Amino acid sequence: NLVNHELITLDQLEEANNALLDKIDAQNVKEASLLRILMWELDMLKE
């Protein structure tokens, strides 16, 4: 939906998804958030 509403690009989504999968693999529930990654870690989306 973020891509469909043009809030992020497909490339940004792919990069954030890779980071998300790393969080999930590490069983890090509190950091397993696409928004958290896009906003706080990658600075790709303004809240």
All heavy atoms as atom14 arrays in JSON, in Angstrom:
{
  "sequence": "NLVNHELITLDQLEEANNALLDKIDAQNVKEASLLRILMWELDMLKE",
  "atom14_mask": [
    [1, 1, 1, 1, 1, 1, 1, 1, 0, 0, 0, 0, 0, 0],
    [1, 1, 1, 1, 1, 1, 1, 1, 0, 0, 0, 0, 0, 0],
    [1, 1, 1, 1, 1, 1, 1, 0, 0, 0, 0, 0, 0, 0],
    [1, 1, 1, 1, 1, 1, 1, 1, 0, 0, 0, 0, 0, 0],
    [1, 1, 1, 1, 1, 1, 1, 1, 1, 1, 0, 0, 0, 0],
    [1, 1, 1, 1, 1, 1, 1, 1, 1, 0, 0, 0, 0, 0],
    [1, 1, 1, 1, 1, 1, 1, 1, 0, 0, 0, 0, 0, 0],
    [1, 1, 1, 1, 1, 1, 1, 1, 0, 0, 0, 0, 0, 0],
    [1, 1, 1, 1, 1, 1, 1, 0, 0, 0, 0, 0, 0, 0],
    [1, 1, 1, 1, 1, 1, 1, 1, 0, 0, 0, 0, 0, 0],
    [1, 1, 1, 1, 1, 1, 1, 1, 0, 0, 0, 0, 0, 0],
    [1, 1, 1, 1, 1, 1, 1, 1, 1, 0, 0, 0, 0, 0],
    [1, 1, 1, 1, 1, 1, 1, 1, 0, 0, 0, 0, 0, 0],
    [1, 1, 1, 1, 1, 1, 1, 1, 1, 0, 0, 0, 0, 0],
    [1, 1, 1, 1, 1, 1, 1, 1, 1, 0, 0, 0, 0, 0],
    [1, 1, 1, 1, 1, 0, 0, 0, 0, 0, 0, 0, 0, 0],
    [1, 1, 1, 1, 1, 1, 1, 1, 0, 0, 0, 0, 0, 0],
    [1, 1, 1, 1, 1, 1, 1, 1, 0, 0, 0, 0, 0, 0],
    [1, 1, 1, 1, 1, 0, 0, 0, 0, 0, 0, 0, 0, 0],
    [1, 1, 1, 1, 1, 1, 1, 1, 0, 0, 0, 0, 0, 0],
    [1, 1, 1, 1, 1, 1, 1, 1, 0, 0, 0, 0, 0, 0],
    [1, 1, 1, 1, 1, 1, 1, 1, 0, 0, 0, 0, 0, 0],
    [1, 1, 1, 1, 1, 1, 1, 1, 1, 0, 0, 0, 0, 0],
    [1, 1, 1, 1, 1, 1, 1, 1, 0, 0, 0, 0, 0, 0],
    [1, 1, 1, 1, 1, 1, 1, 1, 0, 0, 0, 0, 0, 0],
    [1, 1, 1, 1, 1, 0, 0, 0, 0, 0, 0, 0, 0, 0],
    [1, 1, 1, 1, 1, 1, 1, 1, 1, 0, 0, 0, 0, 0],
    [1, 1, 1, 1, 1, 1, 1, 1, 0, 0, 0, 0, 0, 0],
    [1, 1, 1, 1, 1, 1, 1, 0, 0, 0, 0, 0, 0, 0],
    [1, 1, 1, 1, 1, 1, 1, 1, 1, 0, 0, 0, 0, 0],
    [1, 1, 1, 1, 1, 1, 1, 1, 1, 0, 0, 0, 0, 0],
    [1, 1, 1, 1, 1, 0, 0, 0, 0, 0, 0, 0, 0, 0],
    [1, 1, 1, 1, 1, 1, 0, 0, 0, 0, 0, 0, 0, 0],
    [1, 1, 1, 1, 1, 1, 1, 1, 0, 0, 0, 0, 0, 0],
    [1, 1, 1, 1, 1, 1, 1, 1, 0, 0, 0, 0, 0, 0],
    [1, 1, 1, 1, 1, 1, 1, 1, 1, 1, 1, 0, 0, 0],
    [1, 1, 1, 1, 1, 1, 1, 1, 0, 0, 0, 0, 0, 0],
    [1, 1, 1, 1, 1, 1, 1, 1, 0, 0, 0, 0, 0, 0],
    [1, 1, 1, 1, 1, 1, 1, 1, 0, 0, 0, 0, 0, 0],
    [1, 1, 1, 1, 1, 1, 1, 1, 1, 1, 1, 1, 1, 1],
    [1, 1, 1, 1, 1, 1, 1, 1, 1, 0, 0, 0, 0, 0],
    [1, 1, 1, 1, 1, 1, 1, 1, 0, 0, 0, 0, 0, 0],
    [1, 1, 1, 1, 1, 1, 1, 1, 0, 0, 0, 0, 0, 0],
    [1, 1, 1, 1, 1, 1, 1, 1, 0, 0, 0, 0, 0, 0],
    [1, 1, 1, 1, 1, 1, 1, 1, 0, 0, 0, 0, 0, 0],
    [1, 1, 1, 1, 1, 1, 1, 1, 1, 0, 0, 0, 0, 0],
    [1, 1, 1, 1, 1, 1, 1, 1, 1, 0, 0, 0, 0, 0]
  ],
  "atom14_positions": [
    [[0.81, -1.22, 0.0], [0.0, 0.0, 0.0], [0.85, 1.27, 0.0], [0.46, 2.27, -0.61], [-0.98, 0.0, 1.17], [-2.22, -0.79, 0.85], [-2.66, -0.86, -0.3], [-2.8, -1.42, 1.85], [0.0, 0.0, 0.0], [0.0, 0.0, 0.0], [0.0, 0.0, 0.0], [0.0, 0.0, 0.0], [0.0, 0.0, 0.0], [0.0, 0.0, 0.0]],
    [[1.97, 1.24, 0.68], [2.87, 2.41, 0.64], [3.35, 2.68, -0.78], [3.42, 3.83, -1.22], [4.05, 2.21, 1.59], [3.74, 2.23, 3.08], [4.97, 1.81, 3.89], [3.24, 3.6, 3.53], [0.0, 0.0, 0.0], [0.0, 0.0, 0.0], [0.0, 0.0, 0.0], [0.0, 0.0, 0.0], [0.0, 0.0, 0.0], [0.0, 0.0, 0.0]],
    [[3.67, 1.61, -1.5], [4.09, 1.75, -2.9], [2.91, 2.19, -3.76], [3.03, 3.12, -4.56], [4.71, 0.44, -3.44], [4.93, 0.51, -4.94], [6.02, 0.14, -2.72], [0.0, 0.0, 0.0], [0.0, 0.0, 0.0], [0.0, 0.0, 0.0], [0.0, 0.0, 0.0], [0.0, 0.0, 0.0], [0.0, 0.0, 0.0], [0.0, 0.0, 0.0]],
    [[1.76, 1.54, -3.61], [0.58, 1.88, -4.41], [0.14, 3.32, -4.23], [-0.35, 3.95, -5.17], [-0.59, 0.95, -4.08], [-0.38, -0.46, -4.56], [0.45, -0.72, -5.43], [-1.09, -1.4, -3.99], [0.0, 0.0, 0.0], [0.0, 0.0, 0.0], [0.0, 0.0, 0.0], [0.0, 0.0, 0.0], [0.0, 0.0, 0.0], [0.0, 0.0, 0.0]],
    [[0.31, 3.86, -3.02], [-0.06, 5.26, -2.76], [1.1, 6.22, -2.99], [1.01, 7.4, -2.64], [-0.6, 5.41, -1.34], [-1.91, 4.71, -1.12], [-3.06, 5.06, -1.79], [-2.25, 3.69, -0.31], [-4.05, 4.27, -1.4], [-3.58, 3.42, -0.51], [0.0, 0.0, 0.0], [0.0, 0.0, 0.0], [0.0, 0.0, 0.0], [0.0, 0.0, 0.0]],
    [[2.19, 5.69, -3.56], [3.38, 6.46, -3.94], [4.02, 7.19, -2.76], [4.57, 8.29, -2.9], [3.04, 7.43, -5.07], [2.57, 6.71, -6.31], [2.17, 7.63, -7.45], [2.09, 8.87, -7.25], [1.94, 7.11, -8.55], [0.0, 0.0, 0.0], [0.0, 0.0, 0.0], [0.0, 0.0, 0.0], [0.0, 0.0, 0.0], [0.0, 0.0, 0.0]],
    [[3.97, 6.56, -1.59], [4.65, 7.11, -0.43], [6.11, 6.65, -0.38], [6.95, 7.32, 0.24], [3.91, 6.73, 0.85], [2.52, 7.37, 0.99], [1.7, 6.68, 2.07], [2.65, 8.85, 1.29], [0.0, 0.0, 0.0], [0.0, 0.0, 0.0], [0.0, 0.0, 0.0], [0.0, 0.0, 0.0], [0.0, 0.0, 0.0], [0.0, 0.0, 0.0]],
    [[6.38, 5.5, -1.0], [7.74, 5.0, -1.18], [7.83, 4.35, -2.56], [6.8, 4.1, -3.2], [8.16, 3.96, -0.1], [7.25, 2.72, -0.15], [8.17, 4.6, 1.28], [7.74, 1.55, 0.71], [0.0, 0.0, 0.0], [0.0, 0.0, 0.0], [0.0, 0.0, 0.0], [0.0, 0.0, 0.0], [0.0, 0.0, 0.0], [0.0, 0.0, 0.0]],
    [[9.05, 4.07, -3.0], [9.25, 3.4, -4.28], [9.4, 1.89, -4.06], [9.63, 1.44, -2.92], [10.52, 3.91, -4.98], [11.66, 3.51, -4.21], [10.48, 5.43, -5.16], [0.0, 0.0, 0.0], [0.0, 0.0, 0.0], [0.0, 0.0, 0.0], [0.0, 0.0, 0.0], [0.0, 0.0, 0.0], [0.0, 0.0, 0.0], [0.0, 0.0, 0.0]],
    [[9.31, 1.16, -5.13], [9.49, -0.29, -5.07], [10.91, -0.64, -4.6], [11.11, -1.58, -3.82], [9.19, -0.92, -6.43], [8.96, -2.42, -6.48], [7.9, -2.86, -5.48], [8.56, -2.84, -7.88], [0.0, 0.0, 0.0], [0.0, 0.0, 0.0], [0.0, 0.0, 0.0], [0.0, 0.0, 0.0], [0.0, 0.0, 0.0], [0.0, 0.0, 0.0]],
    [[11.91, 0.11, -5.05], [13.29, -0.13, -4.62], [13.44, 0.11, -3.12], [14.13, -0.64, -2.43], [14.26, 0.77, -5.39], [14.42, 0.35, -6.84], [14.13, -0.82, -7.17], [14.84, 1.2, -7.66], [0.0, 0.0, 0.0], [0.0, 0.0, 0.0], [0.0, 0.0, 0.0], [0.0, 0.0, 0.0], [0.0, 0.0, 0.0], [0.0, 0.0, 0.0]],
    [[12.79, 1.16, -2.6], [12.84, 1.42, -1.17], [12.17, 0.29, -0.38], [12.67, -0.13, 0.66], [12.17, 2.77, -0.85], [12.97, 3.96, -1.34], [12.21, 5.26, -1.19], [10.99, 5.31, -1.41], [12.92, 6.32, -0.83], [0.0, 0.0, 0.0], [0.0, 0.0, 0.0], [0.0, 0.0, 0.0], [0.0, 0.0, 0.0], [0.0, 0.0, 0.0]],
    [[11.06, -0.19, -0.9], [10.37, -1.3, -0.26], [11.26, -2.53, -0.21], [11.35, -3.21, 0.82], [9.05, -1.63, -0.97], [8.29, -2.85, -0.45], [7.92, -2.69, 1.02], [7.05, -3.1, -1.31], [0.0, 0.0, 0.0], [0.0, 0.0, 0.0], [0.0, 0.0, 0.0], [0.0, 0.0, 0.0], [0.0, 0.0, 0.0], [0.0, 0.0, 0.0]],
    [[11.93, -2.82, -1.3], [12.8, -4.0, -1.35], [13.92, -3.89, -0.32], [14.21, -4.86, 0.41], [13.39, -4.17, -2.75], [14.17, -5.44, -2.92], [14.64, -5.65, -4.35], [13.93, -5.26, -5.3], [15.73, -6.23, -4.51], [0.0, 0.0, 0.0], [0.0, 0.0, 0.0], [0.0, 0.0, 0.0], [0.0, 0.0, 0.0], [0.0, 0.0, 0.0]],
    [[14.53, -2.73, -0.22], [15.61, -2.54, 0.76], [15.07, -2.68, 2.19], [15.69, -3.33, 3.04], [16.25, -1.16, 0.57], [17.45, -0.94, 1.46], [18.15, 0.39, 1.21], [17.92, 1.02, 0.16], [18.94, 0.78, 2.09], [0.0, 0.0, 0.0], [0.0, 0.0, 0.0], [0.0, 0.0, 0.0], [0.0, 0.0, 0.0], [0.0, 0.0, 0.0]],
    [[13.93, -2.09, 2.46], [13.33, -2.18, 3.79], [12.91, -3.61, 4.11], [13.06, -4.07, 5.25], [12.14, -1.23, 3.9], [0.0, 0.0, 0.0], [0.0, 0.0, 0.0], [0.0, 0.0, 0.0], [0.0, 0.0, 0.0], [0.0, 0.0, 0.0], [0.0, 0.0, 0.0], [0.0, 0.0, 0.0], [0.0, 0.0, 0.0], [0.0, 0.0, 0.0]],
    [[12.38, -4.32, 3.12], [11.99, -5.72, 3.33], [13.18, -6.59, 3.7], [13.07, -7.49, 4.54], [11.29, -6.29, 2.09], [9.81, -6.03, 2.09], [9.19, -5.86, 3.13], [9.23, -5.99, 0.9], [0.0, 0.0, 0.0], [0.0, 0.0, 0.0], [0.0, 0.0, 0.0], [0.0, 0.0, 0.0], [0.0, 0.0, 0.0], [0.0, 0.0, 0.0]],
    [[14.33, -6.34, 3.09], [15.54, -7.09, 3.44], [15.91, -6.87, 4.91], [16.25, -7.8, 5.62], [16.69, -6.72, 2.51], [16.49, -7.25, 1.11], [15.79, -8.24, 0.9], [17.07, -6.59, 0.13], [0.0, 0.0, 0.0], [0.0, 0.0, 0.0], [0.0, 0.0, 0.0], [0.0, 0.0, 0.0], [0.0, 0.0, 0.0], [0.0, 0.0, 0.0]],
    [[15.83, -5.61, 5.34], [16.12, -5.3, 6.74], [15.08, -5.94, 7.66], [15.41, -6.44, 8.74], [16.17, -3.79, 6.94], [0.0, 0.0, 0.0], [0.0, 0.0, 0.0], [0.0, 0.0, 0.0], [0.0, 0.0, 0.0], [0.0, 0.0, 0.0], [0.0, 0.0, 0.0], [0.0, 0.0, 0.0], [0.0, 0.0, 0.0], [0.0, 0.0, 0.0]],
    [[13.82, -5.92, 7.23], [12.75, -6.53, 8.01], [12.99, -8.03, 8.19], [12.84, -8.57, 9.29], [11.4, -6.29, 7.34], [10.19, -6.96, 7.99], [9.92, -6.36, 9.38], [8.96, -6.81, 7.11], [0.0, 0.0, 0.0], [0.0, 0.0, 0.0], [0.0, 0.0, 0.0], [0.0, 0.0, 0.0], [0.0, 0.0, 0.0], [0.0, 0.0, 0.0]],
    [[13.36, -8.7, 7.13], [13.63, -10.14, 7.22], [14.76, -10.44, 8.19], [14.72, -11.45, 8.91], [13.9, -10.72, 5.84], [12.7, -10.74, 4.89], [13.1, -11.21, 3.5], [11.56, -11.58, 5.45], [0.0, 0.0, 0.0], [0.0, 0.0, 0.0], [0.0, 0.0, 0.0], [0.0, 0.0, 0.0], [0.0, 0.0, 0.0], [0.0, 0.0, 0.0]],
    [[15.77, -9.57, 8.23], [16.86, -9.74, 9.2], [16.33, -9.64, 10.63], [16.72, -10.42, 11.5], [17.95, -8.69, 8.99], [18.73, -8.91, 7.71], [18.69, -10.03, 7.15], [19.4, -7.93, 7.25], [0.0, 0.0, 0.0], [0.0, 0.0, 0.0], [0.0, 0.0, 0.0], [0.0, 0.0, 0.0], [0.0, 0.0, 0.0], [0.0, 0.0, 0.0]],
    [[15.42, -8.7, 10.89], [14.83, -8.54, 12.22], [13.99, -9.77, 12.59], [14.02, -10.23, 13.72], [13.93, -7.3, 12.29], [14.56, -6.02, 11.83], [15.43, -5.41, 12.88], [15.91, -4.05, 12.39], [17.06, -3.58, 13.11], [0.0, 0.0, 0.0], [0.0, 0.0, 0.0], [0.0, 0.0, 0.0], [0.0, 0.0, 0.0], [0.0, 0.0, 0.0]],
    [[13.26, -10.26, 11.63], [12.43, -11.43, 11.86], [13.3, -12.65, 12.15], [13.03, -13.41, 13.07], [11.47, -11.67, 10.68], [10.4, -10.57, 10.67], [10.83, -13.05, 10.75], [9.52, -10.55, 9.43], [0.0, 0.0, 0.0], [0.0, 0.0, 0.0], [0.0, 0.0, 0.0], [0.0, 0.0, 0.0], [0.0, 0.0, 0.0], [0.0, 0.0, 0.0]],
    [[14.37, -12.83, 11.36], [15.29, -13.94, 11.59], [15.9, -13.88, 12.99], [16.14, -14.91, 13.62], [16.41, -13.95, 10.55], [15.93, -14.42, 9.18], [14.84, -15.02, 9.1], [16.65, -14.18, 8.19], [0.0, 0.0, 0.0], [0.0, 0.0, 0.0], [0.0, 0.0, 0.0], [0.0, 0.0, 0.0], [0.0, 0.0, 0.0], [0.0, 0.0, 0.0]],
    [[16.12, -12.66, 13.48], [16.7, -12.47, 14.81], [15.64, -12.54, 15.91], [15.97, -12.33, 17.08], [17.43, -11.14, 14.86], [0.0, 0.0, 0.0], [0.0, 0.0, 0.0], [0.0, 0.0, 0.0], [0.0, 0.0, 0.0], [0.0, 0.0, 0.0], [0.0, 0.0, 0.0], [0.0, 0.0, 0.0], [0.0, 0.0, 0.0], [0.0, 0.0, 0.0]],
    [[14.38, -12.81, 15.53], [13.27, -12.88, 16.5], [13.12, -11.57, 17.28], [12.77, -11.56, 18.45], [13.48, -14.04, 17.47], [13.51, -15.41, 16.82], [12.13, -15.85, 16.35], [11.18, -15.79, 17.09], [12.04, -16.28, 15.11], [0.0, 0.0, 0.0], [0.0, 0.0, 0.0], [0.0, 0.0, 0.0], [0.0, 0.0, 0.0], [0.0, 0.0, 0.0]],
    [[13.37, -10.44, 16.61], [13.3, -9.13, 17.23], [11.94, -8.51, 16.92], [11.79, -7.71, 16.01], [14.44, -8.25, 16.74], [14.6, -7.01, 17.57], [13.68, -6.61, 18.28], [15.76, -6.4, 17.48], [0.0, 0.0, 0.0], [0.0, 0.0, 0.0], [0.0, 0.0, 0.0], [0.0, 0.0, 0.0], [0.0, 0.0, 0.0], [0.0, 0.0, 0.0]],
    [[10.92, -8.86, 17.71], [9.54, -8.46, 17.45], [9.38, -6.94, 17.47], [8.71, -6.37, 16.62], [8.57, -9.11, 18.47], [7.16, -8.6, 18.29], [8.61, -10.61, 18.34], [0.0, 0.0, 0.0], [0.0, 0.0, 0.0], [0.0, 0.0, 0.0], [0.0, 0.0, 0.0], [0.0, 0.0, 0.0], [0.0, 0.0, 0.0], [0.0, 0.0, 0.0]],
    [[10.0, -6.29, 18.43], [9.81, -4.84, 18.57], [10.43, -4.05, 17.42], [10.02, -2.93, 17.16], [10.38, -4.36, 19.9], [9.62, -4.9, 21.08], [10.23, -4.43, 22.37], [9.54, -5.1, 23.55], [10.15, -4.73, 24.8], [0.0, 0.0, 0.0], [0.0, 0.0, 0.0], [0.0, 0.0, 0.0], [0.0, 0.0, 0.0], [0.0, 0.0, 0.0]],
    [[11.39, -4.62, 16.75], [12.01, -3.93, 15.62], [11.55, -4.48, 14.27], [11.93, -3.97, 13.23], [13.53, -4.0, 15.72], [14.07, -3.21, 16.89], [15.58, -3.2, 16.94], [16.23, -3.6, 15.96], [16.11, -2.78, 17.98], [0.0, 0.0, 0.0], [0.0, 0.0, 0.0], [0.0, 0.0, 0.0], [0.0, 0.0, 0.0], [0.0, 0.0, 0.0]],
    [[10.71, -5.51, 14.29], [10.21, -6.13, 13.05], [9.03, -5.33, 12.53], [7.88, -5.78, 12.52], [9.82, -7.58, 13.3], [0.0, 0.0, 0.0], [0.0, 0.0, 0.0], [0.0, 0.0, 0.0], [0.0, 0.0, 0.0], [0.0, 0.0, 0.0], [0.0, 0.0, 0.0], [0.0, 0.0, 0.0], [0.0, 0.0, 0.0], [0.0, 0.0, 0.0]],
    [[9.32, -4.11, 12.1], [8.31, -3.2, 11.6], [8.83, -2.49, 10.36], [9.85, -1.79, 10.42], [7.97, -2.16, 12.68], [7.34, -1.04, 12.11], [0.0, 0.0, 0.0], [0.0, 0.0, 0.0], [0.0, 0.0, 0.0], [0.0, 0.0, 0.0], [0.0, 0.0, 0.0], [0.0, 0.0, 0.0], [0.0, 0.0, 0.0], [0.0, 0.0, 0.0]],
    [[8.13, -2.66, 9.27], [8.52, -2.01, 8.03], [8.55, -0.49, 8.19], [9.46, 0.18, 7.72], [7.56, -2.42, 6.9], [8.0, -2.09, 5.49], [9.25, -2.87, 5.13], [6.89, -2.41, 4.52], [0.0, 0.0, 0.0], [0.0, 0.0, 0.0], [0.0, 0.0, 0.0], [0.0, 0.0, 0.0], [0.0, 0.0, 0.0], [0.0, 0.0, 0.0]],
    [[7.54, 0.05, 8.88], [7.52, 1.51, 9.09], [8.71, 1.97, 9.91], [9.33, 2.98, 9.6], [6.23, 1.93, 9.8], [4.99, 2.1, 8.96], [3.85, 2.62, 9.8], [5.23, 3.0, 7.77], [0.0, 0.0, 0.0], [0.0, 0.0, 0.0], [0.0, 0.0, 0.0], [0.0, 0.0, 0.0], [0.0, 0.0, 0.0], [0.0, 0.0, 0.0]],
    [[9.0, 1.25, 10.97], [10.13, 1.6, 11.82], [11.42, 1.63, 11.0], [12.23, 2.54, 11.12], [10.23, 0.58, 12.96], [11.26, 0.9, 13.98], [11.36, -0.23, 15.02], [12.38, 0.07, 15.98], [13.68, 0.05, 15.75], [14.13, -0.28, 14.56], [14.54, 0.36, 16.7], [0.0, 0.0, 0.0], [0.0, 0.0, 0.0], [0.0, 0.0, 0.0]],
    [[11.59, 0.64, 10.16], [12.78, 0.57, 9.32], [12.81, 1.71, 8.31], [13.83, 2.4, 8.15], [12.86, -0.81, 8.62], [13.1, -1.91, 9.66], [13.93, -0.82, 7.53], [12.82, -3.32, 9.18], [0.0, 0.0, 0.0], [0.0, 0.0, 0.0], [0.0, 0.0, 0.0], [0.0, 0.0, 0.0], [0.0, 0.0, 0.0], [0.0, 0.0, 0.0]],
    [[11.69, 1.92, 7.62], [11.63, 2.98, 6.6], [11.85, 4.37, 7.2], [12.5, 5.22, 6.59], [10.28, 2.95, 5.88], [10.08, 1.85, 4.87], [8.6, 1.71, 4.52], [10.91, 2.12, 3.62], [0.0, 0.0, 0.0], [0.0, 0.0, 0.0], [0.0, 0.0, 0.0], [0.0, 0.0, 0.0], [0.0, 0.0, 0.0], [0.0, 0.0, 0.0]],
    [[11.3, 4.6, 8.39], [11.37, 5.93, 9.0], [12.64, 6.15, 9.81], [13.28, 7.18, 9.69], [10.15, 6.15, 9.9], [8.87, 6.29, 9.15], [7.53, 6.53, 10.33], [6.15, 6.05, 9.34], [0.0, 0.0, 0.0], [0.0, 0.0, 0.0], [0.0, 0.0, 0.0], [0.0, 0.0, 0.0], [0.0, 0.0, 0.0], [0.0, 0.0, 0.0]],
    [[12.96, 5.2, 10.67], [14.02, 5.42, 11.64], [15.39, 4.92, 11.19], [16.4, 5.49, 11.56], [13.67, 4.78, 12.97], [12.46, 5.37, 13.64], [11.74, 6.46, 13.23], [11.84, 4.91, 14.83], [10.7, 6.69, 14.09], [10.73, 5.75, 15.1], [12.09, 3.86, 15.69], [9.91, 5.58, 16.2], [11.26, 3.69, 16.78], [10.19, 4.55, 17.03]],
    [[15.41, 3.82, 10.43], [16.71, 3.25, 10.07], [17.18, 3.7, 8.69], [18.36, 3.97, 8.5], [16.65, 1.72, 10.12], [16.45, 1.19, 11.53], [16.39, -0.32, 11.6], [16.89, -1.01, 10.67], [15.82, -0.83, 12.59], [0.0, 0.0, 0.0], [0.0, 0.0, 0.0], [0.0, 0.0, 0.0], [0.0, 0.0, 0.0], [0.0, 0.0, 0.0]],
    [[16.27, 3.76, 7.72], [16.65, 4.08, 6.35], [16.3, 5.52, 5.95], [16.74, 5.97, 4.9], [15.99, 3.1, 5.38], [16.35, 1.63, 5.59], [15.57, 0.75, 4.62], [17.85, 1.4, 5.45], [0.0, 0.0, 0.0], [0.0, 0.0, 0.0], [0.0, 0.0, 0.0], [0.0, 0.0, 0.0], [0.0, 0.0, 0.0], [0.0, 0.0, 0.0]],
    [[15.51, 6.19, 6.76], [15.11, 7.58, 6.5], [14.54, 7.74, 5.08], [14.9, 8.67, 4.35], [16.29, 8.52, 6.73], [15.84, 9.97, 6.89], [14.7, 10.2, 7.33], [16.64, 10.87, 6.55], [0.0, 0.0, 0.0], [0.0, 0.0, 0.0], [0.0, 0.0, 0.0], [0.0, 0.0, 0.0], [0.0, 0.0, 0.0], [0.0, 0.0, 0.0]],
    [[13.64, 6.85, 4.72], [13.03, 6.86, 3.38], [11.58, 7.35, 3.38], [11.0, 7.55, 2.33], [13.07, 5.45, 2.78], [14.45, 4.97, 2.48], [14.37, 3.27, 1.85], [16.04, 3.05, 1.3], [0.0, 0.0, 0.0], [0.0, 0.0, 0.0], [0.0, 0.0, 0.0], [0.0, 0.0, 0.0], [0.0, 0.0, 0.0], [0.0, 0.0, 0.0]],
    [[11.0, 7.5, 4.55], [9.6, 7.9, 4.66], [9.47, 8.85, 5.85], [9.96, 8.55, 6.93], [8.71, 6.67, 4.87], [7.22, 6.9, 5.08], [6.57, 7.54, 3.85], [6.53, 5.59, 5.43], [0.0, 0.0, 0.0], [0.0, 0.0, 0.0], [0.0, 0.0, 0.0], [0.0, 0.0, 0.0], [0.0, 0.0, 0.0], [0.0, 0.0, 0.0]],
    [[8.83, 9.97, 5.6], [8.56, 10.91, 6.69], [7.25, 10.53, 7.34], [6.23, 10.39, 6.66], [8.49, 12.34, 6.16], [9.8, 12.88, 5.7], [9.65, 14.33, 5.26], [10.99, 14.83, 4.76], [10.88, 16.18, 4.22], [0.0, 0.0, 0.0], [0.0, 0.0, 0.0], [0.0, 0.0, 0.0], [0.0, 0.0, 0.0], [0.0, 0.0, 0.0]],
    [[7.29, 10.38, 8.64], [6.1, 9.99, 9.37], [4.98, 11.01, 9.2], [3.81, 10.64, 9.08], [6.43, 9.8, 10.85], [5.33, 9.13, 11.61], [5.81, 8.6, 12.94], [6.67, 9.23, 13.58], [5.32, 7.53, 13.35], [0.0, 0.0, 0.0], [0.0, 0.0, 0.0], [0.0, 0.0, 0.0], [0.0, 0.0, 0.0], [0.0, 0.0, 0.0]]
  ]
}
